[in-house]
Structure formats: C-alpha cells, structure tokens
C-alpha atoms as a PDB file:
ATOM      1  CA  MET A   1     -10.818 -12.986  -2.066  1.00  0.00           C
ATOM      2  CA  LEU A   2     -14.471 -12.244  -2.607  1.00  0.00           C
ATOM      3  CA  ARG A   3     -15.205 -15.480  -0.759  1.00  0.00           C
ATOM      4  CA  ARG A   4     -12.949 -14.307   2.083  1.00  0.00           C
ATOM      5  CA  VAL A   5     -10.451 -17.109   1.488  1.00  0.00           C
ATOM      6  CA  CYS A   6      -7.611 -14.593   1.829  1.00  0.00           C
ATOM      7  CA  GLN A   7      -7.705 -12.311   4.849  1.00  0.00           C
ATOM      8  CA  ALA A   8      -6.636  -8.667   4.727  1.00  0.00           C
ATOM      9  CA  GLY A   9      -2.896  -8.502   5.321  1.00  0.00           C
ATOM     10  CA  SER A  10      -2.250 -11.945   3.831  1.00  0.00           C
ATOM     11  CA  GLN A  11       0.625 -12.227   1.412  1.00  0.00           C
ATOM     12  CA  LEU A  12       0.156 -14.043  -1.876  1.00  0.00           C
ATOM     13  CA  PRO A  13       2.847 -16.081  -3.638  1.00  0.00           C
ATOM     14  CA  SER A  14       5.257 -14.287  -5.943  1.00  0.00           C
ATOM     15  CA  SER A  15       4.143 -14.151  -9.562  1.00  0.00           C
ATOM     16  CA  SER A  16       6.795 -16.657 -10.617  1.00  0.00           C
ATOM     17  CA  SER A  17       5.901 -19.109  -7.823  1.00  0.00           C
ATOM     18  CA  LEU A  18       2.193 -18.964  -8.587  1.00  0.00           C
ATOM     19  CA  ALA A  19       2.806 -19.277 -12.329  1.00  0.00           C
ATOM     20  CA  ASN A  20       4.893 -22.418 -11.761  1.00  0.00           C
ATOM     21  CA  GLU A  21       2.291 -23.882  -9.400  1.00  0.00           C
ATOM     22  CA  LEU A  22      -0.606 -23.250 -11.802  1.00  0.00           C
ATOM     23  CA  HIS A  23       1.379 -24.082 -14.962  1.00  0.00           C
ATOM     24  CA  VAL A  24       0.597 -20.717 -16.579  1.00  0.00           C
ATOM     25  CA  SER A  25       2.833 -17.932 -17.788  1.00  0.00           C
ATOM     26  CA  ARG A  26       4.184 -15.389 -15.338  1.00  0.00           C
ATOM     27  CA  THR A  27       2.695 -12.698 -17.581  1.00  0.00           C
ATOM     28  CA  THR A  28      -0.780 -14.113 -16.875  1.00  0.00           C
ATOM     29  CA  VAL A  29      -0.256 -13.998 -13.108  1.00  0.00           C
ATOM     30  CA  THR A  30       1.264 -10.523 -13.257  1.00  0.00           C
ATOM     31  CA  ALA A  31      -1.708  -9.242 -15.258  1.00  0.00           C
ATOM     32  CA  ALA A  32      -4.124 -10.735 -12.714  1.00  0.00           C
ATOM     33  CA  TYR A  33      -2.204  -9.215  -9.792  1.00  0.00           C
ATOM     34  CA  GLU A  34      -2.147  -5.817 -11.511  1.00  0.00           C
ATOM     35  CA  LYS A  35      -5.906  -5.966 -12.154  1.00  0.00           C
ATOM     36  CA  LEU A  36      -6.551  -6.790  -8.490  1.00  0.00           C
ATOM     37  CA  ALA A  37      -4.233  -3.952  -7.446  1.00  0.00           C
ATOM     38  CA  ALA A  38      -6.088  -1.531  -9.728  1.00  0.00           C
ATOM     39  CA  GLU A  39      -9.327  -2.603  -8.019  1.00  0.00           C
ATOM     40  CA  GLY A  40      -7.756  -1.905  -4.631  1.00  0.00           C
ATOM     41  CA  VAL A  41      -7.764  -5.545  -3.514  1.00  0.00           C
ATOM     42  CA  LEU A  42      -3.976  -6.025  -3.557  1.00  0.00           C
ATOM     43  CA  GLU A  43      -1.036  -3.846  -2.676  1.00  0.00           C
ATOM     44  CA  LEU A  44       2.010  -4.351  -4.878  1.00  0.00           C
ATOM     45  CA  CYS A  45       5.444  -3.389  -3.585  1.00  0.00           C
ATOM     46  CA  GLN A  46       8.619  -3.836  -5.606  1.00  0.00           C
ATOM     47  CA  GLY A  47      10.600  -6.758  -4.234  1.00  0.00           C
ATOM     48  CA  ALA A  48       7.813  -7.960  -1.932  1.00  0.00           C
ATOM     49  CA  ARG A  49       5.002 -10.431  -2.357  1.00  0.00           C
ATOM     50  CA  PRO A  50       1.544  -8.989  -3.130  1.00  0.00           C
ATOM     51  CA  GLN A  51      -0.494  -8.252  -0.020  1.00  0.00           C
ATOM     52  CA  VAL A  52      -4.275  -8.435   0.290  1.00  0.00           C
ATOM     53  CA  THR A  53      -5.824  -5.118   1.345  1.00  0.00           C
ATOM     54  CA  GLY A  54      -9.337  -6.508   1.617  1.00  0.00           C
ATOM     55  CA  VAL A  55     -10.989  -3.264   0.537  1.00  0.00           C
ATOM     56  CA  ALA A  56     -12.286  -1.838  -2.712  1.00  0.00           C
ATOM     57  CA  ALA A  57     -10.475   1.027  -4.434  1.00  0.00           C
ATOM     58  CA  ALA A  58     -13.002   3.635  -3.292  1.00  0.00           C
ATOM     59  CA  THR A  59     -12.300   2.843   0.370  1.00  0.00           C
ATOM     60  CA  ALA A  60      -8.634   1.839   0.092  1.00  0.00           C
ATOM     61  CA  PRO A  61      -6.306   3.468   2.629  1.00  0.00           C
ATOM     62  CA  ALA A  62      -3.298   5.475   1.501  1.00  0.00           C
ATOM     63  CA  ARG A  63      -0.522   3.240   0.177  1.00  0.00           C
ATOM     64  CA  HIS A  64       2.728   2.810   2.055  1.00  0.00           C
ATOM     65  CA  GLN A  65       5.621   4.694   0.517  1.00  0.00           C
ATOM     66  CA  GLY A  66       7.233   2.499  -2.133  1.00  0.00           C
ATOM     67  CA  CYS A  67       4.034   0.479  -2.587  1.00  0.00           C
ATOM     68  CA  ARG A  68       1.449   1.101  -5.201  1.00  0.00           C
ATOM     69  CA  SER A  69      -1.375  -0.339  -7.111  1.00  0.00           C
ATOM     70  CA  ARG A  70      -0.598  -0.383 -10.806  1.00  0.00           C
ATOM     71  CA  VAL A  71      -3.131   1.064 -13.152  1.00  0.00           C
END
C-alpha cells in the first residue's frame, strides 16, 4: 500500500482467502489487517472484505456506520 499497489477504495481478499493463498494462519492475516486498520490504512466492516482507505489515521475520514478500525 505504501508503494501504491492498492488504490484507495480497493477491496482486499478475506482473511481466510489470503491465509490459504499465502499458506499462513488466518490469525496472522487478521492481525495484519487489524494493524493496518489501526493505522487508518484499512477499513474493516463485519461481513465485508477489508477496504483500503489510502490515508493515515490522523487524516482518516469518519468511518461508515457499522465499519470500524480495530484498535
């Protein structure tokens, strides 16, 4: 994301899909997604794939209702 590979608004794979693809545990992917959400890079919504916000936490817009970054 820092290299601008993922554009703002892009959706990432679900944690289980990415874990299977990378042959790592889902816990590892979930932890990474949560860290990126805490930094304001991802928006996590229950039941939806993570979405790239493209901004740092200090400049992140208000979250949509039902979506949050986990800290």
